[in-house]
Amino acid sequence: MFPMPVEFEQITDREVIASLPEAGIAISGDDEDDALDSLIIVLRETLEDFLAEEGNLGPEPRRQLGILRARLSL
């Protein structure tokens, strides 16, 4: 099971948005599986970037990092 509450929104027959609303992160894909796979990649890259630049983050990225840490038990 994915450790975060992901929401899906069907936009068209070939576009679905997967989002982690509490962190304000979303991405689209062709279907739910594709959108979720893309969201996982974005979350991983975002977490890596935020951790690398933690001391330089503004308020919103710090908030997002806190959510990702809490959800991933980091």
C-alpha atoms as a PDB file:
ATOM      1  CA  MET A   1       0.000   0.000   0.000  1.00  0.00           C
ATOM      2  CA  PHE A   2       1.221   3.505  -0.847  1.00  0.00           C
ATOM      3  CA  PRO A   3       2.003   5.408   2.413  1.00  0.00           C
ATOM      4  CA  MET A   4       0.254   8.619   1.334  1.00  0.00           C
ATOM      5  CA  PRO A   5      -3.353   9.607   0.615  1.00  0.00           C
ATOM      6  CA  VAL A   6      -3.311  10.032  -3.146  1.00  0.00           C
ATOM      7  CA  GLU A   7      -6.332  11.474  -4.930  1.00  0.00           C
ATOM      8  CA  PHE A   8      -7.191  10.829  -8.560  1.00  0.00           C
ATOM      9  CA  GLU A   9      -9.209  13.043 -10.881  1.00  0.00           C
ATOM     10  CA  GLN A  10     -10.291  11.872 -14.322  1.00  0.00           C
ATOM     11  CA  ILE A  11      -9.863  14.849 -16.663  1.00  0.00           C
ATOM     12  CA  THR A  12     -10.519  13.190 -20.030  1.00  0.00           C
ATOM     13  CA  ASP A  13     -10.647   9.638 -21.341  1.00  0.00           C
ATOM     14  CA  ARG A  14      -6.844   9.684 -21.572  1.00  0.00           C
ATOM     15  CA  GLU A  15      -5.826  11.986 -18.740  1.00  0.00           C
ATOM     16  CA  VAL A  16      -5.898  11.383 -15.004  1.00  0.00           C
ATOM     17  CA  ILE A  17      -4.374  13.607 -12.347  1.00  0.00           C
ATOM     18  CA  ALA A  18      -2.781  11.988  -9.307  1.00  0.00           C
ATOM     19  CA  SER A  19      -2.197  14.351  -6.417  1.00  0.00           C
ATOM     20  CA  LEU A  20      -1.029  14.526  -2.856  1.00  0.00           C
ATOM     21  CA  PRO A  21      -3.247  17.474  -1.902  1.00  0.00           C
ATOM     22  CA  GLU A  22      -1.800  18.081   1.550  1.00  0.00           C
ATOM     23  CA  ALA A  23       1.610  18.701  -0.044  1.00  0.00           C
ATOM     24  CA  GLY A  24       0.258  20.536  -3.091  1.00  0.00           C
ATOM     25  CA  ILE A  25       1.926  18.140  -5.523  1.00  0.00           C
ATOM     26  CA  ALA A  26       0.139  16.754  -8.597  1.00  0.00           C
ATOM     27  CA  ILE A  27       0.910  15.294 -12.001  1.00  0.00           C
ATOM     28  CA  SER A  28      -1.071  13.762 -14.837  1.00  0.00           C
ATOM     29  CA  GLY A  29      -0.858  10.484 -16.701  1.00  0.00           C
ATOM     30  CA  ASP A  30      -2.776   8.457 -19.272  1.00  0.00           C
ATOM     31  CA  ASP A  31      -4.556   6.431 -16.558  1.00  0.00           C
ATOM     32  CA  GLU A  32      -4.422   6.000 -12.754  1.00  0.00           C
ATOM     33  CA  ASP A  33      -1.439   3.648 -12.866  1.00  0.00           C
ATOM     34  CA  ASP A  34       0.545   5.951 -15.136  1.00  0.00           C
ATOM     35  CA  ALA A  35      -0.356   9.011 -13.053  1.00  0.00           C
ATOM     36  CA  LEU A  36       0.617   7.229  -9.815  1.00  0.00           C
ATOM     37  CA  ASP A  37       3.929   6.074 -11.295  1.00  0.00           C
ATOM     38  CA  SER A  38       4.637   9.658 -12.390  1.00  0.00           C
ATOM     39  CA  LEU A  39       3.640  11.006  -8.973  1.00  0.00           C
ATOM     40  CA  ILE A  40       6.030   8.612  -7.238  1.00  0.00           C
ATOM     41  CA  ILE A  41       8.864   9.806  -9.479  1.00  0.00           C
ATOM     42  CA  VAL A  42       8.020  13.474  -8.801  1.00  0.00           C
ATOM     43  CA  LEU A  43       7.782  12.854  -5.045  1.00  0.00           C
ATOM     44  CA  ARG A  44      11.146  11.055  -5.026  1.00  0.00           C
ATOM     45  CA  GLU A  45      12.832  13.826  -7.040  1.00  0.00           C
ATOM     46  CA  THR A  46      11.197  16.546  -4.940  1.00  0.00           C
ATOM     47  CA  LEU A  47      12.307  14.888  -1.709  1.00  0.00           C
ATOM     48  CA  GLU A  48      15.883  14.490  -2.983  1.00  0.00           C
ATOM     49  CA  ASP A  49      16.000  18.137  -4.105  1.00  0.00           C
ATOM     50  CA  PHE A  50      14.530  19.429  -0.846  1.00  0.00           C
ATOM     51  CA  LEU A  51      16.908  17.372   1.286  1.00  0.00           C
ATOM     52  CA  ALA A  52      19.891  18.583  -0.748  1.00  0.00           C
ATOM     53  CA  GLU A  53      18.841  22.219  -0.312  1.00  0.00           C
ATOM     54  CA  GLU A  54      17.149  21.981   3.086  1.00  0.00           C
ATOM     55  CA  GLY A  55      18.954  24.974   4.568  1.00  0.00           C
ATOM     56  CA  ASN A  56      17.888  27.196   1.675  1.00  0.00           C
ATOM     57  CA  LEU A  57      14.205  26.257   1.412  1.00  0.00           C
ATOM     58  CA  GLY A  58      11.464  28.847   1.621  1.00  0.00           C
ATOM     59  CA  PRO A  59       8.315  28.402   3.706  1.00  0.00           C
ATOM     60  CA  GLU A  60       6.272  26.362   1.195  1.00  0.00           C
ATOM     61  CA  PRO A  61       9.010  23.881   0.277  1.00  0.00           C
ATOM     62  CA  ARG A  62       9.790  23.483   4.017  1.00  0.00           C
ATOM     63  CA  ARG A  63       6.109  22.690   4.628  1.00  0.00           C
ATOM     64  CA  GLN A  64       6.096  20.179   1.776  1.00  0.00           C
ATOM     65  CA  LEU A  65       9.299  18.562   3.049  1.00  0.00           C
ATOM     66  CA  GLY A  66       7.734  18.214   6.499  1.00  0.00           C
ATOM     67  CA  ILE A  67       4.742  16.417   4.998  1.00  0.00           C
ATOM     68  CA  LEU A  68       6.926  14.086   2.934  1.00  0.00           C
ATOM     69  CA  ARG A  69       9.085  13.311   5.963  1.00  0.00           C
ATOM     70  CA  ALA A  70       6.058  12.581   8.133  1.00  0.00           C
ATOM     71  CA  ARG A  71       4.406  10.384   5.505  1.00  0.00           C
ATOM     72  CA  LEU A  72       7.624   8.487   4.793  1.00  0.00           C
ATOM     73  CA  SER A  73       8.700   8.353   8.473  1.00  0.00           C
ATOM     74  CA  LEU A  74      12.057  10.009   7.746  1.00  0.00           C
END
